[in-house]
Amino acid sequence: VQLVESGGGLVQPGGSLKLSCAASRFTFSIYDMRWYRQAPGKEREWVAGITSDGSSTNYADSVKGRFTISRDNGKNTVYLQMNSLRPEDTAVYYCNHRRGGVNYWGQGTQVTVSS
């Protein structure tokens, strides 16, 4: 399994970013995918999830209405569109694949929301 996140950066409060996670070495299209984040000094927390065919999504209350998870099974990529960003969204963002009770993670991408 390989997961490679990209798209992070520094953005002002109220701004937007779109994260990408390129997946390989497994059959991406048959698995649900998730985004998590970890802020400094805090535990990693679940942010959003999407079913294998993209028909259903769900979100943590803290990001609901601001973030959108999507996927392109033809490109083996899952996305996280983040709008109306807040300083408390600052974290390293990770995509997640889970199979047989084992969690697989990418290296993460840093998102910093600051003026």
C-alpha atoms as a PDB file:
ATOM      1  CA  VAL A   1       0.000   0.000   0.000  1.00  0.00           C
ATOM      2  CA  GLN A   2       1.224   3.462  -0.838  1.00  0.00           C
ATOM      3  CA  LEU A   3      -0.559   6.697   0.008  1.00  0.00           C
ATOM      4  CA  VAL A   4       0.926  10.063  -0.940  1.00  0.00           C
ATOM      5  CA  GLU A   5      -0.755  13.248   0.274  1.00  0.00           C
ATOM      6  CA  SER A   6      -0.197  16.662  -1.273  1.00  0.00           C
ATOM      7  CA  GLY A   7      -1.743  20.102  -1.441  1.00  0.00           C
ATOM      8  CA  GLY A   8      -1.070  21.437   2.028  1.00  0.00           C
ATOM      9  CA  GLY A   9       0.342  24.850   2.744  1.00  0.00           C
ATOM     10  CA  LEU A  10      -0.089  28.145   4.545  1.00  0.00           C
ATOM     11  CA  VAL A  11      -3.453  29.858   4.122  1.00  0.00           C
ATOM     12  CA  GLN A  12      -5.170  32.787   5.787  1.00  0.00           C
ATOM     13  CA  PRO A  13      -8.307  32.290   7.889  1.00  0.00           C
ATOM     14  CA  GLY A  14     -11.308  32.021   5.620  1.00  0.00           C
ATOM     15  CA  GLY A  15      -9.230  30.642   2.784  1.00  0.00           C
ATOM     16  CA  SER A  16      -9.393  27.329   0.954  1.00  0.00           C
ATOM     17  CA  LEU A  17      -7.135  24.412   0.130  1.00  0.00           C
ATOM     18  CA  LYS A  18      -7.655  21.158  -1.722  1.00  0.00           C
ATOM     19  CA  LEU A  19      -5.717  18.130  -0.545  1.00  0.00           C
ATOM     20  CA  SER A  20      -5.055  15.097  -2.685  1.00  0.00           C
ATOM     21  CA  CYS A  21      -4.065  11.561  -1.767  1.00  0.00           C
ATOM     22  CA  ALA A  22      -2.706   9.366  -4.532  1.00  0.00           C
ATOM     23  CA  ALA A  23      -3.111   5.685  -3.751  1.00  0.00           C
ATOM     24  CA  SER A  24      -1.297   2.728  -5.257  1.00  0.00           C
ATOM     25  CA  ARG A  25      -0.415  -0.925  -4.717  1.00  0.00           C
ATOM     26  CA  PHE A  26      -3.952  -1.922  -3.803  1.00  0.00           C
ATOM     27  CA  THR A  27      -7.348  -2.023  -5.480  1.00  0.00           C
ATOM     28  CA  PHE A  28      -8.393   1.498  -4.584  1.00  0.00           C
ATOM     29  CA  SER A  29     -11.883   1.361  -6.079  1.00  0.00           C
ATOM     30  CA  ILE A  30     -13.226  -1.291  -3.708  1.00  0.00           C
ATOM     31  CA  TYR A  31     -12.265   0.356  -0.422  1.00  0.00           C
ATOM     32  CA  ASP A  32     -13.699   3.177   1.642  1.00  0.00           C
ATOM     33  CA  MET A  33     -11.210   5.948   2.334  1.00  0.00           C
ATOM     34  CA  ARG A  34     -10.789   8.467   5.131  1.00  0.00           C
ATOM     35  CA  TRP A  35      -9.001  11.663   6.039  1.00  0.00           C
ATOM     36  CA  TYR A  36      -7.587  12.248   9.498  1.00  0.00           C
ATOM     37  CA  ARG A  37      -5.623  15.116  11.002  1.00  0.00           C
ATOM     38  CA  GLN A  38      -3.262  15.621  13.894  1.00  0.00           C
ATOM     39  CA  ALA A  39      -2.613  18.977  15.491  1.00  0.00           C
ATOM     40  CA  PRO A  40       0.496  19.618  17.605  1.00  0.00           C
ATOM     41  CA  GLY A  41       0.158  18.027  21.014  1.00  0.00           C
ATOM     42  CA  LYS A  42      -3.129  16.358  20.145  1.00  0.00           C
ATOM     43  CA  GLU A  43      -4.231  12.900  19.129  1.00  0.00           C
ATOM     44  CA  ARG A  44      -4.971  12.073  15.530  1.00  0.00           C
ATOM     45  CA  GLU A  45      -8.655  12.631  14.784  1.00  0.00           C
ATOM     46  CA  TRP A  46     -10.964  11.462  12.046  1.00  0.00           C
ATOM     47  CA  VAL A  47     -12.102  14.207   9.658  1.00  0.00           C
ATOM     48  CA  ALA A  48     -14.108  12.639   6.836  1.00  0.00           C
ATOM     49  CA  GLY A  49     -14.893   9.367   5.113  1.00  0.00           C
ATOM     50  CA  ILE A  50     -16.152   8.244   1.727  1.00  0.00           C
ATOM     51  CA  THR A  51     -17.470   4.919   0.496  1.00  0.00           C
ATOM     52  CA  SER A  52     -15.735   2.952  -2.233  1.00  0.00           C
ATOM     53  CA  ASP A  53     -18.014   4.219  -4.987  1.00  0.00           C
ATOM     54  CA  GLY A  54     -18.238   7.745  -3.624  1.00  0.00           C
ATOM     55  CA  SER A  55     -21.968   7.529  -3.060  1.00  0.00           C
ATOM     56  CA  SER A  56     -21.842   8.286   0.645  1.00  0.00           C
ATOM     57  CA  THR A  57     -19.745  10.645   2.736  1.00  0.00           C
ATOM     58  CA  ASN A  58     -19.602  11.610   6.382  1.00  0.00           C
ATOM     59  CA  TYR A  59     -17.819  14.270   8.375  1.00  0.00           C
ATOM     60  CA  ALA A  60     -16.705  15.212  11.837  1.00  0.00           C
ATOM     61  CA  ASP A  61     -18.940  17.875  13.326  1.00  0.00           C
ATOM     62  CA  SER A  62     -16.011  20.296  13.447  1.00  0.00           C
ATOM     63  CA  VAL A  63     -15.694  20.351   9.638  1.00  0.00           C
ATOM     64  CA  LYS A  64     -19.236  19.646   8.483  1.00  0.00           C
ATOM     65  CA  GLY A  65     -20.416  22.217   5.944  1.00  0.00           C
ATOM     66  CA  ARG A  66     -16.867  23.447   5.291  1.00  0.00           C
ATOM     67  CA  PHE A  67     -14.985  20.375   4.033  1.00  0.00           C
ATOM     68  CA  THR A  68     -15.892  18.045   1.173  1.00  0.00           C
ATOM     69  CA  ILE A  69     -14.375  14.626   0.578  1.00  0.00           C
ATOM     70  CA  SER A  70     -14.463  13.162  -2.910  1.00  0.00           C
ATOM     71  CA  ARG A  71     -12.669  10.558  -4.981  1.00  0.00           C
ATOM     72  CA  ASP A  72     -11.755   9.679  -8.535  1.00  0.00           C
ATOM     73  CA  ASN A  73     -11.446   5.917  -8.871  1.00  0.00           C
ATOM     74  CA  GLY A  74     -10.048   6.296 -12.366  1.00  0.00           C
ATOM     75  CA  LYS A  75      -7.113   8.217 -10.906  1.00  0.00           C
ATOM     76  CA  ASN A  76      -6.863   6.260  -7.639  1.00  0.00           C
ATOM     77  CA  THR A  77      -7.091   9.549  -5.768  1.00  0.00           C
ATOM     78  CA  VAL A  78      -9.108  10.847  -2.847  1.00  0.00           C
ATOM     79  CA  TYR A  79      -9.516  14.576  -2.227  1.00  0.00           C
ATOM     80  CA  LEU A  80     -10.392  16.896   0.617  1.00  0.00           C
ATOM     81  CA  GLN A  81     -11.691  20.312  -0.343  1.00  0.00           C
ATOM     82  CA  MET A  82     -11.370  22.608   2.653  1.00  0.00           C
ATOM     83  CA  ASN A  83     -13.191  25.940   2.686  1.00  0.00           C
ATOM     84  CA  SER A  84     -13.651  28.624   5.338  1.00  0.00           C
ATOM     85  CA  LEU A  85     -10.501  27.467   7.043  1.00  0.00           C
ATOM     86  CA  ARG A  86      -9.931  28.372  10.674  1.00  0.00           C
ATOM     87  CA  PRO A  87      -6.767  28.502  12.772  1.00  0.00           C
ATOM     88  CA  GLU A  88      -7.984  25.406  14.624  1.00  0.00           C
ATOM     89  CA  ASP A  89      -7.818  23.467  11.347  1.00  0.00           C
ATOM     90  CA  THR A  90      -4.035  23.712  11.515  1.00  0.00           C
ATOM     91  CA  ALA A  91      -2.697  20.155  11.524  1.00  0.00           C
ATOM     92  CA  VAL A  92      -0.960  17.489   9.523  1.00  0.00           C
ATOM     93  CA  TYR A  93      -3.579  15.817   7.345  1.00  0.00           C
ATOM     94  CA  TYR A  94      -3.374  12.119   6.533  1.00  0.00           C
ATOM     95  CA  CYS A  95      -5.352   9.879   4.250  1.00  0.00           C
ATOM     96  CA  ASN A  96      -6.196   6.452   5.536  1.00  0.00           C
ATOM     97  CA  HIS A  97      -6.851   3.025   4.071  1.00  0.00           C
ATOM     98  CA  ARG A  98      -8.016   0.258   6.361  1.00  0.00           C
ATOM     99  CA  ARG A  99      -7.963  -3.426   5.494  1.00  0.00           C
ATOM    100  CA  GLY A 100      -8.209  -6.475   7.680  1.00  0.00           C
ATOM    101  CA  GLY A 101      -8.009  -4.354  10.793  1.00  0.00           C
ATOM    102  CA  VAL A 102      -4.748  -2.774   9.673  1.00  0.00           C
ATOM    103  CA  ASN A 103      -4.485   0.970   9.138  1.00  0.00           C
ATOM    104  CA  TYR A 104      -2.300   2.337   6.370  1.00  0.00           C
ATOM    105  CA  TRP A 105      -1.183   5.977   6.361  1.00  0.00           C
ATOM    106  CA  GLY A 106       0.591   8.357   4.076  1.00  0.00           C
ATOM    107  CA  GLN A 107       3.333  10.713   5.207  1.00  0.00           C
ATOM    108  CA  GLY A 108       0.850  13.521   5.722  1.00  0.00           C
ATOM    109  CA  THR A 109       0.642  17.075   4.433  1.00  0.00           C
ATOM    110  CA  GLN A 110       0.892  20.152   6.655  1.00  0.00           C
ATOM    111  CA  VAL A 111      -1.954  22.651   6.667  1.00  0.00           C
ATOM    112  CA  THR A 112      -1.349  25.904   8.516  1.00  0.00           C
ATOM    113  CA  VAL A 113      -4.113  28.479   8.878  1.00  0.00           C
ATOM    114  CA  SER A 114      -2.725  31.772  10.068  1.00  0.00           C
ATOM    115  CA  SER A 115      -2.794  35.454   9.267  1.00  0.00           C
END
